[in-house]
Amino acid sequence: MESKRKLTNEECREIEGLINNAITAINKEAAAPFIKRLEFMRETLTIEAPQKNIFAELVAYTKAASGQVKEKEHWISAVNQSLYKLNFFEYYGV
């Protein structure tokens, strides 16, 4: 069994970049590669709960906010809240 760990700074930067690229994509098709990479990371990163759960939530909200969608600001706000929670747990180790 693999040991659980925190996200590295490099992984955090990659996640933030992928999120930004996905939510600013012109449409869902353009956002797809960024979403797929986030989904891959969600499945393969060996991080502990609740971080793993928050990351899954973050991916779902990013997918909802990508492209041209209704209530885009609502979904971007949800993404930002999940990103804050993920960073909070990573920083404080709670």
PDB file of N, CA and C in Angstrom:
ATOM      1  N   MET A   1       0.842  -1.187   0.000  1.00  0.00           N
ATOM      2  CA  MET A   1       0.000   0.000   0.000  1.00  0.00           C
ATOM      3  C   MET A   1       0.883   1.245   0.000  1.00  0.00           C
ATOM      4  N   GLU A   2       0.554   2.188  -0.873  1.00  0.00           N
ATOM      5  CA  GLU A   2       1.338   3.403  -0.978  1.00  0.00           C
ATOM      6  C   GLU A   2       1.031   4.336   0.189  1.00  0.00           C
ATOM      7  N   SER A   3       2.052   5.052   0.633  1.00  0.00           N
ATOM      8  CA  SER A   3       1.816   6.010   1.706  1.00  0.00           C
ATOM      9  C   SER A   3       1.214   7.287   1.127  1.00  0.00           C
ATOM     10  N   LYS A   4       0.386   7.906   1.914  1.00  0.00           N
ATOM     11  CA  LYS A   4      -0.267   9.152   1.502  1.00  0.00           C
ATOM     12  C   LYS A   4       0.666  10.311   1.789  1.00  0.00           C
ATOM     13  N   ARG A   5       0.506  11.387   1.023  1.00  0.00           N
ATOM     14  CA  ARG A   5       1.396  12.529   1.141  1.00  0.00           C
ATOM     15  C   ARG A   5       0.649  13.805   0.799  1.00  0.00           C
ATOM     16  N   LYS A   6       1.329  14.918   0.981  1.00  0.00           N
ATOM     17  CA  LYS A   6       0.784  16.219   0.593  1.00  0.00           C
ATOM     18  C   LYS A   6       1.134  16.492  -0.862  1.00  0.00           C
ATOM     19  N   LEU A   7       0.405  17.405  -1.463  1.00  0.00           N
ATOM     20  CA  LEU A   7       0.732  17.843  -2.814  1.00  0.00           C
ATOM     21  C   LEU A   7       2.015  18.660  -2.781  1.00  0.00           C
ATOM     22  N   THR A   8       2.809  18.533  -3.829  1.00  0.00           N
ATOM     23  CA  THR A   8       4.010  19.353  -3.931  1.00  0.00           C
ATOM     24  C   THR A   8       3.631  20.729  -4.476  1.00  0.00           C
ATOM     25  N   ASN A   9       4.529  21.687  -4.326  1.00  0.00           N
ATOM     26  CA  ASN A   9       4.292  23.024  -4.884  1.00  0.00           C
ATOM     27  C   ASN A   9       4.123  22.953  -6.398  1.00  0.00           C
ATOM     28  N   GLU A  10       4.924  22.104  -7.033  1.00  0.00           N
ATOM     29  CA  GLU A  10       4.836  21.949  -8.481  1.00  0.00           C
ATOM     30  C   GLU A  10       3.467  21.400  -8.887  1.00  0.00           C
ATOM     31  N   GLU A  11       2.959  20.423  -8.146  1.00  0.00           N
ATOM     32  CA  GLU A  11       1.638  19.862  -8.432  1.00  0.00           C
ATOM     33  C   GLU A  11       0.547  20.914  -8.218  1.00  0.00           C
ATOM     34  N   CYS A  12       0.668  21.695  -7.170  1.00  0.00           N
ATOM     35  CA  CYS A  12      -0.310  22.765  -6.912  1.00  0.00           C
ATOM     36  C   CYS A  12      -0.331  23.777  -8.051  1.00  0.00           C
ATOM     37  N   ARG A  13       0.842  24.155  -8.521  1.00  0.00           N
ATOM     38  CA  ARG A  13       0.920  25.104  -9.648  1.00  0.00           C
ATOM     39  C   ARG A  13       0.314  24.498 -10.912  1.00  0.00           C
ATOM     40  N   GLU A  14       0.599  23.218 -11.156  1.00  0.00           N
ATOM     41  CA  GLU A  14       0.024  22.564 -12.333  1.00  0.00           C
ATOM     42  C   GLU A  14      -1.494  22.519 -12.239  1.00  0.00           C
ATOM     43  N   ILE A  15      -2.016  22.166 -11.081  1.00  0.00           N
ATOM     44  CA  ILE A  15      -3.463  22.102 -10.877  1.00  0.00           C
ATOM     45  C   ILE A  15      -4.094  23.471 -11.123  1.00  0.00           C
ATOM     46  N   GLU A  16      -3.516  24.511 -10.556  1.00  0.00           N
ATOM     47  CA  GLU A  16      -4.061  25.860 -10.748  1.00  0.00           C
ATOM     48  C   GLU A  16      -4.033  26.264 -12.217  1.00  0.00           C
ATOM     49  N   GLY A  17      -2.951  25.925 -12.924  1.00  0.00           N
ATOM     50  CA  GLY A  17      -2.862  26.237 -14.348  1.00  0.00           C
ATOM     51  C   GLY A  17      -3.897  25.481 -15.166  1.00  0.00           C
ATOM     52  N   LEU A  18      -4.082  24.208 -14.867  1.00  0.00           N
ATOM     53  CA  LEU A  18      -5.080  23.407 -15.577  1.00  0.00           C
ATOM     54  C   LEU A  18      -6.483  23.944 -15.341  1.00  0.00           C
ATOM     55  N   ILE A  19      -6.759  24.324 -14.104  1.00  0.00           N
ATOM     56  CA  ILE A  19      -8.072  24.892 -13.778  1.00  0.00           C
ATOM     57  C   ILE A  19      -8.297  26.182 -14.561  1.00  0.00           C
ATOM     58  N   ASN A  20      -7.309  27.053 -14.538  1.00  0.00           N
ATOM     59  CA  ASN A  20      -7.437  28.324 -15.256  1.00  0.00           C
ATOM     60  C   ASN A  20      -7.662  28.091 -16.747  1.00  0.00           C
ATOM     61  N   ASN A  21      -6.899  27.184 -17.339  1.00  0.00           N
ATOM     62  CA  ASN A  21      -7.053  26.893 -18.765  1.00  0.00           C
ATOM     63  C   ASN A  21      -8.427  26.309 -19.070  1.00  0.00           C
ATOM     64  N   ALA A  22      -8.922  25.449 -18.192  1.00  0.00           N
ATOM     65  CA  ALA A  22     -10.227  24.824 -18.420  1.00  0.00           C
ATOM     66  C   ALA A  22     -11.370  25.831 -18.322  1.00  0.00           C
ATOM     67  N   ILE A  23     -11.336  26.681 -17.294  1.00  0.00           N
ATOM     68  CA  ILE A  23     -12.478  27.594 -17.127  1.00  0.00           C
ATOM     69  C   ILE A  23     -12.442  28.770 -18.094  1.00  0.00           C
ATOM     70  N   THR A  24     -11.280  29.052 -18.677  1.00  0.00           N
ATOM     71  CA  THR A  24     -11.212  30.132 -19.668  1.00  0.00           C
ATOM     72  C   THR A  24     -11.302  29.611 -21.099  1.00  0.00           C
ATOM     73  N   ALA A  25     -11.443  28.302 -21.264  1.00  0.00           N
ATOM     74  CA  ALA A  25     -11.565  27.717 -22.602  1.00  0.00           C
ATOM     75  C   ALA A  25     -12.834  28.224 -23.279  1.00  0.00           C
ATOM     76  N   ILE A  26     -12.749  28.351 -24.585  1.00  0.00           N
ATOM     77  CA  ILE A  26     -13.865  28.909 -25.348  1.00  0.00           C
ATOM     78  C   ILE A  26     -15.084  27.970 -25.351  1.00  0.00           C
ATOM     79  N   ASN A  27     -14.830  26.663 -25.245  1.00  0.00           N
ATOM     80  CA  ASN A  27     -15.932  25.698 -25.201  1.00  0.00           C
ATOM     81  C   ASN A  27     -15.474  24.432 -24.480  1.00  0.00           C
ATOM     82  N   LYS A  28     -16.420  23.514 -24.274  1.00  0.00           N
ATOM     83  CA  LYS A  28     -16.118  22.268 -23.552  1.00  0.00           C
ATOM     84  C   LYS A  28     -15.061  21.441 -24.277  1.00  0.00           C
ATOM     85  N   GLU A  29     -15.103  21.453 -25.597  1.00  0.00           N
ATOM     86  CA  GLU A  29     -14.131  20.685 -26.382  1.00  0.00           C
ATOM     87  C   GLU A  29     -12.715  21.200 -26.150  1.00  0.00           C
ATOM     88  N   ALA A  30     -12.545  22.504 -26.108  1.00  0.00           N
ATOM     89  CA  ALA A  30     -11.226  23.088 -25.860  1.00  0.00           C
ATOM     90  C   ALA A  30     -10.761  22.837 -24.428  1.00  0.00           C
ATOM     91  N   ALA A  31     -11.692  22.688 -23.519  1.00  0.00           N
ATOM     92  CA  ALA A  31     -11.357  22.442 -22.114  1.00  0.00           C
ATOM     93  C   ALA A  31     -11.050  20.974 -21.832  1.00  0.00           C
ATOM     94  N   ALA A  32     -11.446  20.094 -22.725  1.00  0.00           N
ATOM     95  CA  ALA A  32     -11.346  18.648 -22.491  1.00  0.00           C
ATOM     96  C   ALA A  32      -9.940  18.166 -22.106  1.00  0.00           C
ATOM     97  N   PRO A  33      -8.865  18.594 -22.777  1.00  0.00           N
ATOM     98  CA  PRO A  33      -7.537  18.083 -22.388  1.00  0.00           C
ATOM     99  C   PRO A  33      -7.143  18.464 -20.956  1.00  0.00           C
ATOM    100  N   PHE A  34      -7.542  19.647 -20.533  1.00  0.00           N
ATOM    101  CA  PHE A  34      -7.217  20.107 -19.183  1.00  0.00           C
ATOM    102  C   PHE A  34      -8.030  19.329 -18.144  1.00  0.00           C
ATOM    103  N   ILE A  35      -9.293  19.082 -18.454  1.00  0.00           N
ATOM    104  CA  ILE A  35     -10.162  18.312 -17.569  1.00  0.00           C
ATOM    105  C   ILE A  35      -9.642  16.877 -17.463  1.00  0.00           C
ATOM    106  N   LYS A  36      -9.251  16.306 -18.598  1.00  0.00           N
ATOM    107  CA  LYS A  36      -8.743  14.926 -18.583  1.00  0.00           C
ATOM    108  C   LYS A  36      -7.489  14.807 -17.727  1.00  0.00           C
ATOM    109  N   ARG A  37      -6.607  15.799 -17.795  1.00  0.00           N
ATOM    110  CA  ARG A  37      -5.400  15.767 -16.975  1.00  0.00           C
ATOM    111  C   ARG A  37      -5.757  15.879 -15.493  1.00  0.00           C
ATOM    112  N   LEU A  38      -6.712  16.736 -15.149  1.00  0.00           N
ATOM    113  CA  LEU A  38      -7.158  16.858 -13.764  1.00  0.00           C
ATOM    114  C   LEU A  38      -7.776  15.546 -13.276  1.00  0.00           C
ATOM    115  N   GLU A  39      -8.577  14.912 -14.130  1.00  0.00           N
ATOM    116  CA  GLU A  39      -9.191  13.641 -13.753  1.00  0.00           C
ATOM    117  C   GLU A  39      -8.126  12.557 -13.555  1.00  0.00           C
ATOM    118  N   PHE A  40      -7.111  12.555 -14.398  1.00  0.00           N
ATOM    119  CA  PHE A  40      -6.009  11.609 -14.249  1.00  0.00           C
ATOM    120  C   PHE A  40      -5.289  11.841 -12.926  1.00  0.00           C
ATOM    121  N   MET A  41      -5.024  13.092 -12.616  1.00  0.00           N
ATOM    122  CA  MET A  41      -4.360  13.420 -11.353  1.00  0.00           C
ATOM    123  C   MET A  41      -5.222  12.996 -10.168  1.00  0.00           C
ATOM    124  N   ARG A  42      -6.525  13.204 -10.283  1.00  0.00           N
ATOM    125  CA  ARG A  42      -7.434  12.808  -9.207  1.00  0.00           C
ATOM    126  C   ARG A  42      -7.325  11.308  -8.929  1.00  0.00           C
ATOM    127  N   GLU A  43      -7.203  10.526  -9.973  1.00  0.00           N
ATOM    128  CA  GLU A  43      -7.138   9.077  -9.825  1.00  0.00           C
ATOM    129  C   GLU A  43      -5.774   8.573  -9.366  1.00  0.00           C
ATOM    130  N   THR A  44      -4.712   9.276  -9.705  1.00  0.00           N
ATOM    131  CA  THR A  44      -3.371   8.738  -9.470  1.00  0.00           C
ATOM    132  C   THR A  44      -2.613   9.355  -8.303  1.00  0.00           C
ATOM    133  N   LEU A  45      -2.996  10.537  -7.860  1.00  0.00           N
ATOM    134  CA  LEU A  45      -2.284  11.151  -6.742  1.00  0.00           C
ATOM    135  C   LEU A  45      -2.556  10.379  -5.456  1.00  0.00           C
ATOM    136  N   THR A  46      -1.526  10.165  -4.690  1.00  0.00           N
ATOM    137  CA  THR A  46      -1.667   9.423  -3.430  1.00  0.00           C
ATOM    138  C   THR A  46      -1.752  10.410  -2.268  1.00  0.00           C
ATOM    139  N   ILE A  47      -2.870  11.126  -2.223  1.00  0.00           N
ATOM    140  CA  ILE A  47      -3.093  12.096  -1.153  1.00  0.00           C
ATOM    141  C   ILE A  47      -4.200  11.570  -0.248  1.00  0.00           C
ATOM    142  N   GLU A  48      -4.196  12.040   0.980  1.00  0.00           N
ATOM    143  CA  GLU A  48      -5.154  11.578   1.979  1.00  0.00           C
ATOM    144  C   GLU A  48      -6.494  12.296   1.849  1.00  0.00           C
ATOM    145  N   ALA A  49      -7.523  11.634   2.370  1.00  0.00           N
ATOM    146  CA  ALA A  49      -8.783  12.332   2.575  1.00  0.00           C
ATOM    147  C   ALA A  49      -8.549  13.247   3.768  1.00  0.00           C
ATOM    148  N   PRO A  50      -9.094  14.420   3.859  1.00  0.00           N
ATOM    149  CA  PRO A  50     -10.110  14.993   3.009  1.00  0.00           C
ATOM    150  C   PRO A  50      -9.572  15.653   1.735  1.00  0.00           C
ATOM    151  N   GLN A  51      -8.249  15.775   1.594  1.00  0.00           N
ATOM    152  CA  GLN A  51      -7.699  16.404   0.391  1.00  0.00           C
ATOM    153  C   GLN A  51      -8.160  15.701  -0.880  1.00  0.00           C
ATOM    154  N   LYS A  52      -8.192  14.380  -0.871  1.00  0.00           N
ATOM    155  CA  LYS A  52      -8.620  13.624  -2.050  1.00  0.00           C
ATOM    156  C   LYS A  52     -10.070  13.946  -2.394  1.00  0.00           C
ATOM    157  N   ASN A  53     -10.915  14.062  -1.372  1.00  0.00           N
ATOM    158  CA  ASN A  53     -12.323  14.402  -1.598  1.00  0.00           C
ATOM    159  C   ASN A  53     -12.472  15.829  -2.113  1.00  0.00           C
ATOM    160  N   ILE A  54     -11.713  16.733  -1.556  1.00  0.00           N
ATOM    161  CA  ILE A  54     -11.761  18.123  -1.999  1.00  0.00           C
ATOM    162  C   ILE A  54     -11.272  18.232  -3.436  1.00  0.00           C
ATOM    163  N   PHE A  55     -10.232  17.463  -3.770  1.00  0.00           N
ATOM    164  CA  PHE A  55      -9.719  17.487  -5.138  1.00  0.00           C
ATOM    165  C   PHE A  55     -10.773  16.963  -6.123  1.00  0.00           C
ATOM    166  N   ALA A  56     -11.490  15.919  -5.744  1.00  0.00           N
ATOM    167  CA  ALA A  56     -12.564  15.392  -6.597  1.00  0.00           C
ATOM    168  C   ALA A  56     -13.651  16.451  -6.801  1.00  0.00           C
ATOM    169  N   GLU A  57     -13.996  17.160  -5.740  1.00  0.00           N
ATOM    170  CA  GLU A  57     -14.971  18.251  -5.816  1.00  0.00           C
ATOM    171  C   GLU A  57     -14.461  19.347  -6.744  1.00  0.00           C
ATOM    172  N   LEU A  58     -13.193  19.675  -6.618  1.00  0.00           N
ATOM    173  CA  LEU A  58     -12.565  20.710  -7.445  1.00  0.00           C
ATOM    174  C   LEU A  58     -12.630  20.342  -8.925  1.00  0.00           C
ATOM    175  N   VAL A  59     -12.360  19.097  -9.250  1.00  0.00           N
ATOM    176  CA  VAL A  59     -12.420  18.639 -10.642  1.00  0.00           C
ATOM    177  C   VAL A  59     -13.848  18.753 -11.170  1.00  0.00           C
ATOM    178  N   ALA A  60     -14.820  18.338 -10.369  1.00  0.00           N
ATOM    179  CA  ALA A  60     -16.219  18.407 -10.797  1.00  0.00           C
ATOM    180  C   ALA A  60     -16.656  19.850 -11.047  1.00  0.00           C
ATOM    181  N   TYR A  61     -16.293  20.753 -10.152  1.00  0.00           N
ATOM    182  CA  TYR A  61     -16.660  22.160 -10.331  1.00  0.00           C
ATOM    183  C   TYR A  61     -15.932  22.780 -11.524  1.00  0.00           C
ATOM    184  N   THR A  62     -14.701  22.398 -11.740  1.00  0.00           N
ATOM    185  CA  THR A  62     -13.951  22.913 -12.890  1.00  0.00           C
ATOM    186  C   THR A  62     -14.619  22.460 -14.183  1.00  0.00           C
ATOM    187  N   LYS A  63     -15.020  21.214 -14.209  1.00  0.00           N
ATOM    188  CA  LYS A  63     -15.716  20.681 -15.387  1.00  0.00           C
ATOM    189  C   LYS A  63     -17.011  21.462 -15.634  1.00  0.00           C
ATOM    190  N   ALA A  64     -17.738  21.757 -14.570  1.00  0.00           N
ATOM    191  CA  ALA A  64     -18.994  22.508 -14.691  1.00  0.00           C
ATOM    192  C   ALA A  64     -18.753  23.943 -15.153  1.00  0.00           C
ATOM    193  N   ALA A  65     -17.616  24.535 -14.767  1.00  0.00           N
ATOM    194  CA  ALA A  65     -17.325  25.938 -15.100  1.00  0.00           C
ATOM    195  C   ALA A  65     -16.662  26.098 -16.461  1.00  0.00           C
ATOM    196  N   SER A  66     -16.245  25.003 -17.073  1.00  0.00           N
ATOM    197  CA  SER A  66     -15.483  25.111 -18.320  1.00  0.00           C
ATOM    198  C   SER A  66     -16.377  25.441 -19.509  1.00  0.00           C
ATOM    199  N   GLY A  67     -15.786  26.131 -20.451  1.00  0.00           N
ATOM    200  CA  GLY A  67     -16.513  26.486 -21.667  1.00  0.00           C
ATOM    201  C   GLY A  67     -17.556  27.555 -21.412  1.00  0.00           C
ATOM    202  N   GLN A  68     -18.569  27.562 -22.273  1.00  0.00           N
ATOM    203  CA  GLN A  68     -19.642  28.538 -22.156  1.00  0.00           C
ATOM    204  C   GLN A  68     -20.818  27.875 -21.444  1.00  0.00           C
ATOM    205  N   VAL A  69     -21.046  28.281 -20.208  1.00  0.00           N
ATOM    206  CA  VAL A  69     -22.105  27.679 -19.392  1.00  0.00           C
ATOM    207  C   VAL A  69     -22.935  28.767 -18.723  1.00  0.00           C
ATOM    208  N   LYS A  70     -24.154  28.402 -18.356  1.00  0.00           N
ATOM    209  CA  LYS A  70     -24.997  29.302 -17.575  1.00  0.00           C
ATOM    210  C   LYS A  70     -24.426  29.385 -16.175  1.00  0.00           C
ATOM    211  N   GLU A  71     -24.591  30.521 -15.556  1.00  0.00           N
ATOM    212  CA  GLU A  71     -24.138  30.751 -14.182  1.00  0.00           C
ATOM    213  C   GLU A  71     -22.647  30.470 -14.016  1.00  0.00           C
ATOM    214  N   LYS A  72     -21.872  30.897 -14.986  1.00  0.00           N
ATOM    215  CA  LYS A  72     -20.431  30.644 -14.973  1.00  0.00           C
ATOM    216  C   LYS A  72     -19.775  31.210 -13.721  1.00  0.00           C
ATOM    217  N   GLU A  73     -20.168  32.395 -13.313  1.00  0.00           N
ATOM    218  CA  GLU A  73     -19.581  33.010 -12.114  1.00  0.00           C
ATOM    219  C   GLU A  73     -19.846  32.170 -10.871  1.00  0.00           C
ATOM    220  N   HIS A  74     -21.013  31.562 -10.802  1.00  0.00           N
ATOM    221  CA  HIS A  74     -21.334  30.672  -9.685  1.00  0.00           C
ATOM    222  C   HIS A  74     -20.346  29.504  -9.644  1.00  0.00           C
ATOM    223  N   TRP A  75     -20.106  28.885 -10.796  1.00  0.00           N
ATOM    224  CA  TRP A  75     -19.205  27.723 -10.851  1.00  0.00           C
ATOM    225  C   TRP A  75     -17.764  28.125 -10.604  1.00  0.00           C
ATOM    226  N   ILE A  76     -17.375  29.293 -11.083  1.00  0.00           N
ATOM    227  CA  ILE A  76     -16.017  29.772 -10.812  1.00  0.00           C
ATOM    228  C   ILE A  76     -15.843  30.019  -9.316  1.00  0.00           C
ATOM    229  N   SER A  77     -16.862  30.556  -8.673  1.00  0.00           N
ATOM    230  CA  SER A  77     -16.824  30.760  -7.227  1.00  0.00           C
ATOM    231  C   SER A  77     -16.676  29.422  -6.501  1.00  0.00           C
ATOM    232  N   ALA A  78     -17.409  28.408  -6.955  1.00  0.00           N
ATOM    233  CA  ALA A  78     -17.305  27.070  -6.356  1.00  0.00           C
ATOM    234  C   ALA A  78     -15.900  26.498  -6.548  1.00  0.00           C
ATOM    235  N   VAL A  79     -15.325  26.708  -7.724  1.00  0.00           N
ATOM    236  CA  VAL A  79     -13.951  26.265  -7.989  1.00  0.00           C
ATOM    237  C   VAL A  79     -12.993  26.948  -7.024  1.00  0.00           C
ATOM    238  N   ASN A  80     -13.134  28.255  -6.883  1.00  0.00           N
ATOM    239  CA  ASN A  80     -12.241  29.007  -6.001  1.00  0.00           C
ATOM    240  C   ASN A  80     -12.369  28.570  -4.541  1.00  0.00           C
ATOM    241  N   GLN A  81     -13.583  28.283  -4.108  1.00  0.00           N
ATOM    242  CA  GLN A  81     -13.783  27.807  -2.733  1.00  0.00           C
ATOM    243  C   GLN A  81     -13.113  26.450  -2.519  1.00  0.00           C
ATOM    244  N   SER A  82     -13.256  25.558  -3.486  1.00  0.00           N
ATOM    245  CA  SER A  82     -12.619  24.240  -3.371  1.00  0.00           C
ATOM    246  C   SER A  82     -11.103  24.363  -3.416  1.00  0.00           C
ATOM    247  N   LEU A  83     -10.603  25.238  -4.259  1.00  0.00           N
ATOM    248  CA  LEU A  83      -9.158  25.456  -4.347  1.00  0.00           C
ATOM    249  C   LEU A  83      -8.627  26.021  -3.033  1.00  0.00           C
ATOM    250  N   TYR A  84      -9.377  26.932  -2.432  1.00  0.00           N
ATOM    251  CA  TYR A  84      -8.994  27.478  -1.134  1.00  0.00           C
ATOM    252  C   TYR A  84      -8.946  26.379  -0.076  1.00  0.00           C
ATOM    253  N   LYS A  85      -9.984  25.535  -0.052  1.00  0.00           N
ATOM    254  CA  LYS A  85     -10.015  24.443   0.926  1.00  0.00           C
ATOM    255  C   LYS A  85      -8.843  23.492   0.723  1.00  0.00           C
ATOM    256  N   LEU A  86      -8.542  23.162  -0.516  1.00  0.00           N
ATOM    257  CA  LEU A  86      -7.430  22.263  -0.804  1.00  0.00           C
ATOM    258  C   LEU A  86      -6.119  22.873  -0.329  1.00  0.00           C
ATOM    259  N   ASN A  87      -5.913  24.149  -0.629  1.00  0.00           N
ATOM    260  CA  ASN A  87      -4.689  24.831  -0.199  1.00  0.00           C
ATOM    261  C   ASN A  87      -4.625  24.961   1.315  1.00  0.00           C
ATOM    262  N   PHE A  88      -5.767  25.189   1.953  1.00  0.00           N
ATOM    263  CA  PHE A  88      -5.814  25.301   3.409  1.00  0.00           C
ATOM    264  C   PHE A  88      -5.351  23.991   4.050  1.00  0.00           C
ATOM    265  N   PHE A  89      -5.889  22.879   3.582  1.00  0.00           N
ATOM    266  CA  PHE A  89      -5.507  21.593   4.141  1.00  0.00           C
ATOM    267  C   PHE A  89      -4.051  21.265   3.850  1.00  0.00           C
ATOM    268  N   GLU A  90      -3.579  21.645   2.692  1.00  0.00           N
ATOM    269  CA  GLU A  90      -2.171  21.391   2.350  1.00  0.00           C
ATOM    270  C   GLU A  90      -1.244  22.229   3.222  1.00  0.00           C
ATOM    271  N   TYR A  91      -1.617  23.482   3.449  1.00  0.00           N
ATOM    272  CA  TYR A  91      -0.750  24.385   4.202  1.00  0.00           C
ATOM    273  C   TYR A  91      -0.752  24.070   5.691  1.00  0.00           C
ATOM    274  N   TYR A  92      -1.942  23.884   6.243  1.00  0.00           N
ATOM    275  CA  TYR A  92      -2.056  23.697   7.682  1.00  0.00           C
ATOM    276  C   TYR A  92      -2.034  22.244   8.112  1.00  0.00           C
ATOM    277  N   GLY A  93      -2.140  21.313   7.158  1.00  0.00           N
ATOM    278  CA  GLY A  93      -2.089  19.903   7.497  1.00  0.00           C
ATOM    279  C   GLY A  93      -3.231  19.449   8.382  1.00  0.00           C
ATOM    280  N   VAL A  94      -4.363  20.107   8.265  1.00  0.00           N
ATOM    281  CA  VAL A  94      -5.521  19.775   9.099  1.00  0.00           C
ATOM    282  C   VAL A  94      -6.203  18.547   8.553  1.00  0.00           C
TER     283      VAL A  94
END
